[in-house]
Amino acid sequence: MHELQKNTSGAPSVNDEQSKTLLLVRHAKSSWDVSVLNDFERPLNDRGKKDAPVMAKRLLTKKIAIDAFVSSPAKRAKKTAELFCQEYGKKEIIFITKLYHASPETFFEVIAELDNSFNTVAIFSHNMGITEFANLLVKDVRIDNMPTCSIFAVRVNTKKWTDFKNVKKDFLFFDYPKNE
């Protein structure tokens, strides 16, 4: 039986091997201080370096275990994923080049290729694609813009990531740094 449990914060926590949970994470706030850097090489600014661990800790408070961290290799997404991994005590990140400015269809492709042994996956990517993709997932939930370091979470009742695109998604939560 699929079970959605409440934790002390009142937010949903998923503990079920019969489902898959996807956490979409927009990279943390990036720096525009060095204008000669190309977009791919932009680093996080101080706020971004502070927000990423805070958001990872919020997931830990919700008792969300992450099996895989998947990221665009762009510097700001990579660093955001690394900061989440540090909070989780993990080191491995799967870098997928096509997540850099991915279209919604690219997100579906990446998800379909995930290893089925991963029950909960965090994908770190960029706007506008990440907001567009999030808005395709749940019929009754719409987000105008995913702020930097925001997290949009859905669950699907399936054992295979290849089924993700065509099965009903259950909205779990949307959180962002200024949502205190």
C-alpha atoms as a PDB file:
ATOM      1  CA  MET A   1       0.000   0.000   0.000  1.00  0.00           C
ATOM      2  CA  HIS A   2       1.242   3.470  -0.836  1.00  0.00           C
ATOM      3  CA  GLU A   3       1.667   5.550   2.264  1.00  0.00           C
ATOM      4  CA  LEU A   4       2.147   9.286   2.535  1.00  0.00           C
ATOM      5  CA  GLN A   5       3.209  10.111   6.065  1.00  0.00           C
ATOM      6  CA  LYS A   6       3.129  13.436   7.879  1.00  0.00           C
ATOM      7  CA  ASN A   7       6.159  14.544   9.799  1.00  0.00           C
ATOM      8  CA  THR A   8       6.386  17.092  12.593  1.00  0.00           C
ATOM      9  CA  SER A   9       6.518  20.011  10.181  1.00  0.00           C
ATOM     10  CA  GLY A  10       3.210  18.921   8.649  1.00  0.00           C
ATOM     11  CA  ALA A  11       4.831  18.431   5.244  1.00  0.00           C
ATOM     12  CA  PRO A  12       4.567  15.157   3.342  1.00  0.00           C
ATOM     13  CA  SER A  13       7.270  12.567   3.664  1.00  0.00           C
ATOM     14  CA  VAL A  14       7.453   9.629   1.298  1.00  0.00           C
ATOM     15  CA  ASN A  15       8.445   6.161   2.529  1.00  0.00           C
ATOM     16  CA  ASP A  16       7.385   3.752  -0.185  1.00  0.00           C
ATOM     17  CA  GLU A  17       9.250   1.493  -2.595  1.00  0.00           C
ATOM     18  CA  GLN A  18       6.179   1.131  -4.828  1.00  0.00           C
ATOM     19  CA  SER A  19       6.402   4.729  -6.014  1.00  0.00           C
ATOM     20  CA  LYS A  20       8.870   7.253  -7.374  1.00  0.00           C
ATOM     21  CA  THR A  21       9.390  10.773  -6.058  1.00  0.00           C
ATOM     22  CA  LEU A  22      10.844  13.548  -8.189  1.00  0.00           C
ATOM     23  CA  LEU A  23      12.299  16.698  -6.672  1.00  0.00           C
ATOM     24  CA  LEU A  24      12.859  19.448  -9.221  1.00  0.00           C
ATOM     25  CA  VAL A  25      15.405  21.953  -7.892  1.00  0.00           C
ATOM     26  CA  ARG A  26      16.202  25.188  -9.649  1.00  0.00           C
ATOM     27  CA  HIS A  27      19.836  26.168  -9.085  1.00  0.00           C
ATOM     28  CA  ALA A  28      20.534  28.645  -6.281  1.00  0.00           C
ATOM     29  CA  LYS A  29      21.076  32.369  -6.883  1.00  0.00           C
ATOM     30  CA  SER A  30      23.970  32.973  -9.245  1.00  0.00           C
ATOM     31  CA  SER A  31      26.467  35.789  -9.488  1.00  0.00           C
ATOM     32  CA  TRP A  32      26.584  38.346 -12.262  1.00  0.00           C
ATOM     33  CA  ASP A  33      29.728  40.008 -10.839  1.00  0.00           C
ATOM     34  CA  VAL A  34      32.046  38.852 -13.620  1.00  0.00           C
ATOM     35  CA  SER A  35      30.352  39.914 -16.835  1.00  0.00           C
ATOM     36  CA  VAL A  36      32.975  38.249 -19.056  1.00  0.00           C
ATOM     37  CA  LEU A  37      31.951  34.756 -17.904  1.00  0.00           C
ATOM     38  CA  ASN A  38      29.717  32.856 -20.263  1.00  0.00           C
ATOM     39  CA  ASP A  39      26.355  31.719 -18.906  1.00  0.00           C
ATOM     40  CA  PHE A  40      27.517  28.132 -18.330  1.00  0.00           C
ATOM     41  CA  GLU A  41      30.362  29.292 -16.046  1.00  0.00           C
ATOM     42  CA  ARG A  42      28.398  31.651 -13.771  1.00  0.00           C
ATOM     43  CA  PRO A  43      28.995  30.712 -10.103  1.00  0.00           C
ATOM     44  CA  LEU A  44      26.665  31.022  -7.131  1.00  0.00           C
ATOM     45  CA  ASN A  45      26.631  34.296  -5.241  1.00  0.00           C
ATOM     46  CA  ASP A  46      26.768  34.481  -1.432  1.00  0.00           C
ATOM     47  CA  ARG A  47      22.994  34.191  -1.098  1.00  0.00           C
ATOM     48  CA  GLY A  48      22.979  31.113  -3.319  1.00  0.00           C
ATOM     49  CA  LYS A  49      25.709  29.486  -1.220  1.00  0.00           C
ATOM     50  CA  LYS A  50      23.593  30.142   1.889  1.00  0.00           C
ATOM     51  CA  ASP A  51      20.209  29.117   0.435  1.00  0.00           C
ATOM     52  CA  ALA A  52      21.213  25.704  -0.949  1.00  0.00           C
ATOM     53  CA  PRO A  53      22.171  24.120   2.418  1.00  0.00           C
ATOM     54  CA  VAL A  54      19.057  25.641   4.022  1.00  0.00           C
ATOM     55  CA  MET A  55      16.798  24.067   1.398  1.00  0.00           C
ATOM     56  CA  ALA A  56      18.568  20.700   1.696  1.00  0.00           C
ATOM     57  CA  LYS A  57      18.026  20.833   5.466  1.00  0.00           C
ATOM     58  CA  ARG A  58      14.313  21.466   4.866  1.00  0.00           C
ATOM     59  CA  LEU A  59      14.163  18.242   2.859  1.00  0.00           C
ATOM     60  CA  LEU A  60      15.956  16.391   5.628  1.00  0.00           C
ATOM     61  CA  THR A  61      13.462  17.811   8.143  1.00  0.00           C
ATOM     62  CA  LYS A  62      10.677  16.389   5.956  1.00  0.00           C
ATOM     63  CA  LYS A  63      12.516  13.036   6.190  1.00  0.00           C
ATOM     64  CA  ILE A  64      13.008  12.843   2.437  1.00  0.00           C
ATOM     65  CA  ALA A  65      15.818  10.462   1.553  1.00  0.00           C
ATOM     66  CA  ILE A  66      17.348  11.161  -1.852  1.00  0.00           C
ATOM     67  CA  ASP A  67      18.692   8.169  -3.762  1.00  0.00           C
ATOM     68  CA  ALA A  68      20.225  10.112  -6.661  1.00  0.00           C
ATOM     69  CA  PHE A  69      21.336  13.656  -7.321  1.00  0.00           C
ATOM     70  CA  VAL A  70      21.153  14.499 -11.041  1.00  0.00           C
ATOM     71  CA  SER A  71      22.374  17.859 -12.317  1.00  0.00           C
ATOM     72  CA  SER A  72      23.133  20.053 -15.245  1.00  0.00           C
ATOM     73  CA  PRO A  73      26.921  20.428 -15.401  1.00  0.00           C
ATOM     74  CA  ALA A  74      26.654  24.250 -15.514  1.00  0.00           C
ATOM     75  CA  LYS A  75      28.655  25.711 -12.642  1.00  0.00           C
ATOM     76  CA  ARG A  76      25.689  27.139 -10.677  1.00  0.00           C
ATOM     77  CA  ALA A  77      23.574  23.973 -10.916  1.00  0.00           C
ATOM     78  CA  LYS A  78      26.583  21.780 -10.129  1.00  0.00           C
ATOM     79  CA  LYS A  79      27.458  23.813  -7.019  1.00  0.00           C
ATOM     80  CA  THR A  80      23.816  23.754  -5.839  1.00  0.00           C
ATOM     81  CA  ALA A  81      23.774  19.951  -6.176  1.00  0.00           C
ATOM     82  CA  GLU A  82      27.112  19.711  -4.355  1.00  0.00           C
ATOM     83  CA  LEU A  83      25.778  21.784  -1.439  1.00  0.00           C
ATOM     84  CA  PHE A  84      22.696  19.538  -1.191  1.00  0.00           C
ATOM     85  CA  CYS A  85      24.943  16.465  -1.277  1.00  0.00           C
ATOM     86  CA  GLN A  86      27.068  17.845   1.557  1.00  0.00           C
ATOM     87  CA  GLU A  87      23.976  18.179   3.756  1.00  0.00           C
ATOM     88  CA  TYR A  88      22.964  14.621   2.859  1.00  0.00           C
ATOM     89  CA  GLY A  89      26.459  13.245   3.469  1.00  0.00           C
ATOM     90  CA  LYS A  90      26.694  12.022  -0.123  1.00  0.00           C
ATOM     91  CA  LYS A  91      29.234  12.674  -2.840  1.00  0.00           C
ATOM     92  CA  GLU A  92      28.006  11.228  -6.120  1.00  0.00           C
ATOM     93  CA  ILE A  93      26.209  13.468  -8.593  1.00  0.00           C
ATOM     94  CA  ILE A  94      25.117  12.318 -12.035  1.00  0.00           C
ATOM     95  CA  PHE A  95      25.821  15.120 -14.520  1.00  0.00           C
ATOM     96  CA  ILE A  96      23.700  15.230 -17.661  1.00  0.00           C
ATOM     97  CA  THR A  97      24.660  17.873 -20.200  1.00  0.00           C
ATOM     98  CA  LYS A  98      21.217  18.118 -21.783  1.00  0.00           C
ATOM     99  CA  LEU A  99      19.786  19.415 -18.467  1.00  0.00           C
ATOM    100  CA  TYR A 100      21.481  22.755 -19.217  1.00  0.00           C
ATOM    101  CA  HIS A 101      18.507  24.878 -20.376  1.00  0.00           C
ATOM    102  CA  ALA A 102      16.449  21.715 -20.916  1.00  0.00           C
ATOM    103  CA  SER A 103      13.040  21.732 -22.539  1.00  0.00           C
ATOM    104  CA  PRO A 104      10.148  19.924 -20.846  1.00  0.00           C
ATOM    105  CA  GLU A 105      10.562  17.035 -23.287  1.00  0.00           C
ATOM    106  CA  THR A 106      14.240  16.742 -22.338  1.00  0.00           C
ATOM    107  CA  PHE A 107      13.268  16.444 -18.668  1.00  0.00           C
ATOM    108  CA  PHE A 108      10.931  13.574 -19.573  1.00  0.00           C
ATOM    109  CA  GLU A 109      13.756  11.892 -21.530  1.00  0.00           C
ATOM    110  CA  VAL A 110      16.220  12.221 -18.646  1.00  0.00           C
ATOM    111  CA  ILE A 111      13.674  10.855 -16.158  1.00  0.00           C
ATOM    112  CA  ALA A 112      12.837   7.885 -18.387  1.00  0.00           C
ATOM    113  CA  GLU A 113      16.538   6.933 -18.365  1.00  0.00           C
ATOM    114  CA  LEU A 114      16.863   6.940 -14.553  1.00  0.00           C
ATOM    115  CA  ASP A 115      17.804   3.696 -12.821  1.00  0.00           C
ATOM    116  CA  ASN A 116      14.710   2.085 -11.302  1.00  0.00           C
ATOM    117  CA  SER A 117      16.633   1.351  -8.112  1.00  0.00           C
ATOM    118  CA  PHE A 118      16.344   5.090  -7.351  1.00  0.00           C
ATOM    119  CA  ASN A 119      13.034   5.789  -5.608  1.00  0.00           C
ATOM    120  CA  THR A 120      13.646   9.484  -4.948  1.00  0.00           C
ATOM    121  CA  VAL A 121      15.636  11.641  -7.346  1.00  0.00           C
ATOM    122  CA  ALA A 122      16.569  15.329  -7.156  1.00  0.00           C
ATOM    123  CA  ILE A 123      17.145  17.003 -10.520  1.00  0.00           C
ATOM    124  CA  PHE A 124      19.006  20.340 -10.536  1.00  0.00           C
ATOM    125  CA  SER A 125      18.440  22.523 -13.575  1.00  0.00           C
ATOM    126  CA  HIS A 126      17.559  25.968 -14.935  1.00  0.00           C
ATOM    127  CA  ASN A 127      14.709  28.282 -15.824  1.00  0.00           C
ATOM    128  CA  MET A 128      12.647  28.626 -17.988  1.00  0.00           C
ATOM    129  CA  GLY A 129      12.553  24.933 -18.774  1.00  0.00           C
ATOM    130  CA  ILE A 130      12.259  23.793 -15.162  1.00  0.00           C
ATOM    131  CA  THR A 131       9.211  26.016 -14.527  1.00  0.00           C
ATOM    132  CA  GLU A 132       7.594  24.936 -17.804  1.00  0.00           C
ATOM    133  CA  PHE A 133       8.201  21.289 -16.925  1.00  0.00           C
ATOM    134  CA  ALA A 134       6.826  21.650 -13.377  1.00  0.00           C
ATOM    135  CA  ASN A 135       3.658  23.199 -14.803  1.00  0.00           C
ATOM    136  CA  LEU A 136       3.072  20.160 -17.014  1.00  0.00           C
ATOM    137  CA  LEU A 137       3.171  17.693 -14.145  1.00  0.00           C
ATOM    138  CA  VAL A 138       0.123  18.420 -11.991  1.00  0.00           C
ATOM    139  CA  LYS A 139      -3.156  19.609 -13.465  1.00  0.00           C
ATOM    140  CA  ASP A 140      -4.311  21.770 -10.550  1.00  0.00           C
ATOM    141  CA  VAL A 141      -0.958  23.321  -9.565  1.00  0.00           C
ATOM    142  CA  ARG A 142       0.546  26.212 -11.509  1.00  0.00           C
ATOM    143  CA  ILE A 143       3.719  28.171 -10.738  1.00  0.00           C
ATOM    144  CA  ASP A 144       4.477  31.445 -12.515  1.00  0.00           C
ATOM    145  CA  ASN A 145       8.191  31.158 -11.833  1.00  0.00           C
ATOM    146  CA  MET A 146      10.329  28.760  -9.828  1.00  0.00           C
ATOM    147  CA  PRO A 147      12.536  31.049  -7.741  1.00  0.00           C
ATOM    148  CA  THR A 148      16.202  30.225  -7.383  1.00  0.00           C
ATOM    149  CA  CYS A 149      16.789  27.195  -5.141  1.00  0.00           C
ATOM    150  CA  SER A 150      13.088  26.304  -5.122  1.00  0.00           C
ATOM    151  CA  ILE A 151      11.910  22.705  -4.953  1.00  0.00           C
ATOM    152  CA  PHE A 152       8.834  21.276  -6.680  1.00  0.00           C
ATOM    153  CA  ALA A 153       8.015  17.717  -5.593  1.00  0.00           C
ATOM    154  CA  VAL A 154       5.731  15.104  -7.125  1.00  0.00           C
ATOM    155  CA  ARG A 155       5.134  11.408  -6.575  1.00  0.00           C
ATOM    156  CA  VAL A 156       3.994   8.772  -9.057  1.00  0.00           C
ATOM    157  CA  ASN A 157       2.657   5.314  -8.316  1.00  0.00           C
ATOM    158  CA  THR A 158       4.995   3.215 -10.427  1.00  0.00           C
ATOM    159  CA  LYS A 159       8.118   1.118 -10.029  1.00  0.00           C
ATOM    160  CA  LYS A 160       9.623   2.297 -13.334  1.00  0.00           C
ATOM    161  CA  TRP A 161      10.849   5.740 -14.277  1.00  0.00           C
ATOM    162  CA  THR A 162       9.969   4.971 -17.905  1.00  0.00           C
ATOM    163  CA  ASP A 163       6.300   5.201 -16.840  1.00  0.00           C
ATOM    164  CA  PHE A 164       6.724   8.696 -15.350  1.00  0.00           C
ATOM    165  CA  LYS A 165       5.516  10.703 -18.353  1.00  0.00           C
ATOM    166  CA  ASN A 166       2.224   8.861 -18.723  1.00  0.00           C
ATOM    167  CA  VAL A 167       1.104   8.240 -15.137  1.00  0.00           C
ATOM    168  CA  LYS A 168      -0.770  10.575 -12.809  1.00  0.00           C
ATOM    169  CA  LYS A 169       1.477  12.778 -10.695  1.00  0.00           C
ATOM    170  CA  ASP A 170       0.564  13.604  -7.115  1.00  0.00           C
ATOM    171  CA  PHE A 171       1.718  17.034  -5.966  1.00  0.00           C
ATOM    172  CA  LEU A 172       3.667  16.820  -2.708  1.00  0.00           C
ATOM    173  CA  PHE A 173       4.935  20.351  -2.094  1.00  0.00           C
ATOM    174  CA  PHE A 174       6.556  23.477  -3.481  1.00  0.00           C
ATOM    175  CA  ASP A 175       9.124  25.281  -1.336  1.00  0.00           C
ATOM    176  CA  TYR A 176      11.602  28.103  -1.822  1.00  0.00           C
ATOM    177  CA  PRO A 177      14.090  30.018   0.359  1.00  0.00           C
ATOM    178  CA  LYS A 178      11.840  32.996   1.170  1.00  0.00           C
ATOM    179  CA  ASN A 179       8.924  30.704   2.124  1.00  0.00           C
ATOM    180  CA  GLU A 180       9.590  30.805   5.861  1.00  0.00           C
END
